[in-house]
Amino acid sequence: MKYILVAMAFNLQLTYADLETCNQARDILREEAPLGQAGNILCIPAGIEEDGVTKMDKMFNSFIDLVIKLDEINQKKLTTEE
């Protein structure tokens, strides 16, 4: 399972492949955290990906679909104006 590192002091949300790696990153950030903020850095489970598709992949796929639809609309407008 993947884990998300949440560090409020740095406004970070990074995903790591396993808990050990996430904890290592957490410990490094805790050393650099502003005074009193070290406790705001923790690792939580990232959740299960559906069919190996990440949220980032879904976002980019949705964006590409939007661009394609906008292009189709633009092409229809251009052909009807001529």
Protein backbone atom coordinates (compact mmCIF):
# COMPACT_ATOMS: atom_id res chain seq x y z
CA MET A 1 0.00 0.00 0.00
CA LYS A 2 1.17 3.51 -0.73
CA TYR A 3 1.40 6.18 1.98
CA ILE A 4 0.92 9.93 1.87
CA LEU A 5 3.26 12.21 3.80
CA VAL A 6 1.31 15.20 5.11
CA ALA A 7 3.43 18.09 6.33
CA MET A 8 1.31 21.10 7.21
CA ALA A 9 4.30 23.31 8.02
CA PHE A 10 5.59 22.97 4.45
CA ASN A 11 2.19 22.48 2.73
CA LEU A 12 3.39 19.10 1.40
CA GLN A 13 1.43 16.01 0.40
CA LEU A 14 3.81 13.50 -1.14
CA THR A 15 3.04 9.84 -1.88
CA TYR A 16 5.52 7.08 -1.05
CA ALA A 17 5.44 3.40 -2.02
CA ASP A 18 5.61 2.11 1.55
CA LEU A 19 5.37 3.16 5.18
CA GLU A 20 9.11 2.82 5.88
CA THR A 21 10.06 5.26 3.12
CA CYS A 22 7.34 7.67 4.22
CA ASN A 23 8.57 7.53 7.82
CA GLN A 24 12.15 8.24 6.69
CA ALA A 25 10.98 11.34 4.81
CA ARG A 26 8.86 12.35 7.83
CA ASP A 27 11.87 12.13 10.15
CA ILE A 28 13.99 14.27 7.83
CA LEU A 29 11.27 16.90 7.59
CA ARG A 30 10.72 16.90 11.35
CA GLU A 31 14.38 17.89 11.80
CA GLU A 32 13.84 20.89 9.49
CA ALA A 33 10.36 21.88 10.69
CA PRO A 34 9.77 25.31 12.24
CA LEU A 35 9.69 25.38 16.02
CA GLY A 36 6.58 23.63 17.35
CA GLN A 37 5.55 22.26 13.94
CA ALA A 38 7.34 18.87 13.98
CA GLY A 39 4.22 17.14 15.32
CA ASN A 40 2.26 18.26 12.27
CA ILE A 41 4.16 15.90 9.96
CA LEU A 42 2.74 12.39 9.65
CA CYS A 43 2.21 9.45 7.28
CA ILE A 44 -1.25 8.16 6.44
CA PRO A 45 -2.39 5.38 4.06
CA ALA A 46 -2.95 6.76 0.56
CA GLY A 47 -5.83 4.42 -0.23
CA ILE A 48 -6.18 1.85 -2.96
CA GLU A 49 -5.82 2.87 -6.60
CA GLU A 50 -8.57 1.67 -8.92
CA ASP A 51 -7.14 -0.59 -11.64
CA GLY A 52 -3.69 0.93 -11.13
CA VAL A 53 -4.92 4.37 -12.22
CA THR A 54 -3.81 7.21 -9.96
CA LYS A 55 -5.74 10.39 -9.25
CA MET A 56 -3.14 12.27 -11.28
CA ASP A 57 -3.77 9.98 -14.27
CA LYS A 58 -7.52 10.55 -13.94
CA MET A 59 -7.01 14.31 -13.78
CA PHE A 60 -4.84 14.36 -16.92
CA ASN A 61 -7.23 12.05 -18.77
CA SER A 62 -10.13 14.34 -17.90
CA PHE A 63 -8.12 17.37 -19.05
CA ILE A 64 -7.26 15.68 -22.37
CA ASP A 65 -10.92 14.74 -22.88
CA LEU A 66 -11.88 18.37 -22.25
CA VAL A 67 -9.33 19.64 -24.79
CA ILE A 68 -10.60 17.14 -27.38
CA LYS A 69 -14.23 18.18 -26.80
CA LEU A 70 -13.34 21.87 -27.04
CA ASP A 71 -11.48 21.21 -30.29
CA GLU A 72 -14.50 19.35 -31.69
CA ILE A 73 -16.78 22.26 -30.78
CA ASN A 74 -14.36 24.69 -32.39
CA GLN A 75 -14.16 22.59 -35.57
CA LYS A 76 -17.98 22.45 -35.80
CA LYS A 77 -18.18 26.22 -35.47
CA LEU A 78 -15.53 26.71 -38.15
CA THR A 79 -17.25 24.37 -40.62
CA THR A 80 -20.72 25.91 -40.10
CA GLU A 81 -19.42 29.46 -40.60
CA GLU A 82 -17.88 28.66 -43.99
